[in-house]
Amino acid sequence: MARPAILRIAKSFDKKFCIAPGIFLDSIIYDAELTRQRLAHHRCVEDTLTGQHSPRAEIYGNNLLEQFLPLTFMQRALGKYVWKGQRYEGATLGSVIHFRGGTQWLTSGCR
């Protein structure tokens, strides 16, 4: 007898599946808010191709649409096809990059 669909879905959402993207999202918020604060109050310019003062919506939009959603989708879609530890590699690396970037804004000011 096949398992009900609700049990199959619940089994695929383990703690790590929820924690890794949660930490990744936290790192994006940390980096975006510190970036926005430095751009708004210290007249800094972000290291981007445009070199302009990015509004908060653009900062969040770029980070969420280009990084968070694709990596989280891939983590979910490829979950049963790859080694379990590899599923969280994108979220882990993304978190490190964003925490590092936010901390640089916090400690060194304008780059």
Protein backbone atom coordinates (compact mmCIF):
# COMPACT_ATOMS: atom_id res chain seq x y z
CA MET A 1 0.00 0.00 0.00
CA ALA A 2 1.36 3.42 -0.94
CA ARG A 3 1.93 6.09 1.66
CA PRO A 4 -0.47 9.02 1.70
CA ALA A 5 0.90 12.09 -0.07
CA ILE A 6 0.99 14.13 3.13
CA LEU A 7 3.40 11.66 4.77
CA ARG A 8 5.73 11.68 1.75
CA ILE A 9 5.86 15.48 1.78
CA ALA A 10 6.39 15.66 5.54
CA LYS A 11 9.24 13.15 5.37
CA SER A 12 11.14 15.24 2.80
CA PHE A 13 11.06 18.36 5.02
CA ASP A 14 13.61 17.42 7.65
CA LYS A 15 15.16 19.89 10.10
CA LYS A 16 18.19 20.55 7.90
CA PHE A 17 15.95 21.33 4.94
CA CYS A 18 14.28 24.07 6.98
CA ILE A 19 17.35 25.32 8.86
CA ALA A 20 19.79 25.73 5.93
CA PRO A 21 17.55 28.02 3.84
CA GLY A 22 16.47 29.83 7.02
CA ILE A 23 20.06 30.72 7.86
CA PHE A 24 20.66 31.65 4.21
CA LEU A 25 17.65 33.99 4.31
CA ASP A 26 18.90 35.51 7.58
CA SER A 27 22.29 36.18 6.01
CA ILE A 28 20.64 37.90 3.04
CA ILE A 29 18.62 40.14 5.36
CA TYR A 30 21.73 40.92 7.44
CA ASP A 31 23.76 41.86 4.38
CA ALA A 32 20.95 43.81 2.69
CA GLU A 33 20.11 45.90 5.76
CA LEU A 34 23.73 46.76 6.51
CA THR A 35 24.33 47.56 2.85
CA ARG A 36 21.26 49.79 2.73
CA GLN A 37 22.22 51.53 5.97
CA ARG A 38 25.72 52.33 4.66
CA LEU A 39 24.39 53.49 1.31
CA ALA A 40 21.75 55.73 2.88
CA HIS A 41 23.63 57.31 5.78
CA HIS A 42 27.27 57.28 4.79
CA ARG A 43 27.08 58.13 1.12
CA CYS A 44 28.86 54.92 0.16
CA VAL A 45 28.54 53.23 -3.21
CA GLU A 46 28.05 49.51 -3.49
CA ASP A 47 30.46 47.35 -5.50
CA THR A 48 28.11 46.56 -8.38
CA LEU A 49 28.30 46.82 -12.11
CA THR A 50 26.08 49.91 -12.03
CA GLY A 51 27.96 51.56 -9.16
CA GLN A 52 24.82 53.37 -8.03
CA HIS A 53 22.88 53.69 -4.83
CA SER A 54 20.53 50.73 -4.96
CA PRO A 55 17.11 51.04 -3.31
CA ARG A 56 16.14 48.47 -0.68
CA ALA A 57 13.63 46.75 -3.01
CA GLU A 58 16.32 46.23 -5.66
CA ILE A 59 18.78 44.83 -3.12
CA TYR A 60 16.24 42.35 -1.78
CA GLY A 61 14.87 41.55 -5.23
CA ASN A 62 18.27 40.68 -6.64
CA ASN A 63 19.26 38.57 -3.65
CA LEU A 64 15.98 36.71 -3.34
CA LEU A 65 15.22 36.16 -7.02
CA GLU A 66 18.74 35.43 -8.21
CA GLN A 67 20.13 33.52 -5.24
CA PHE A 68 17.69 32.38 -2.57
CA LEU A 69 14.78 31.05 -4.64
CA PRO A 70 16.83 29.13 -7.23
CA LEU A 71 19.08 27.53 -4.61
CA THR A 72 16.17 26.60 -2.36
CA PHE A 73 14.25 25.16 -5.32
CA MET A 74 17.27 23.15 -6.42
CA GLN A 75 17.79 21.91 -2.87
CA ARG A 76 14.20 20.65 -2.81
CA ALA A 77 14.10 19.31 -6.38
CA LEU A 78 17.43 17.51 -6.30
CA GLY A 79 17.12 16.32 -2.73
CA LYS A 80 16.64 12.65 -3.42
CA TYR A 81 19.10 12.51 -6.33
CA VAL A 82 22.27 13.83 -4.70
CA TRP A 83 24.25 13.03 -1.60
CA LYS A 84 22.41 14.44 1.41
CA GLY A 85 25.20 16.79 2.52
CA GLN A 86 25.53 18.25 -0.96
CA ARG A 87 21.93 19.48 -0.88
CA TYR A 88 22.89 22.21 1.59
CA GLU A 89 26.09 23.34 -0.07
CA GLY A 90 24.52 26.28 -1.92
CA ALA A 91 22.75 27.60 1.17
CA THR A 92 25.90 27.22 3.26
CA LEU A 93 28.17 29.00 0.79
CA GLY A 94 25.59 31.71 0.20
CA SER A 95 25.27 32.28 3.94
CA VAL A 96 29.03 32.60 4.35
CA ILE A 97 29.26 35.10 1.49
CA HIS A 98 26.40 37.27 2.78
CA PHE A 99 27.51 37.20 6.43
CA ARG A 100 31.01 38.14 5.30
CA GLY A 101 29.72 40.96 3.07
CA GLY A 102 27.49 42.38 5.79
CA THR A 103 30.27 42.20 8.35
CA GLN A 104 32.61 44.07 5.99
CA TRP A 105 30.05 46.87 5.71
CA LEU A 106 29.75 46.89 9.50
CA THR A 107 33.47 46.89 10.34
CA SER A 108 35.17 48.78 7.54
CA GLY A 109 32.54 51.21 6.36
CA CYS A 110 32.70 52.19 2.72
CA ARG A 111 34.58 49.82 0.45
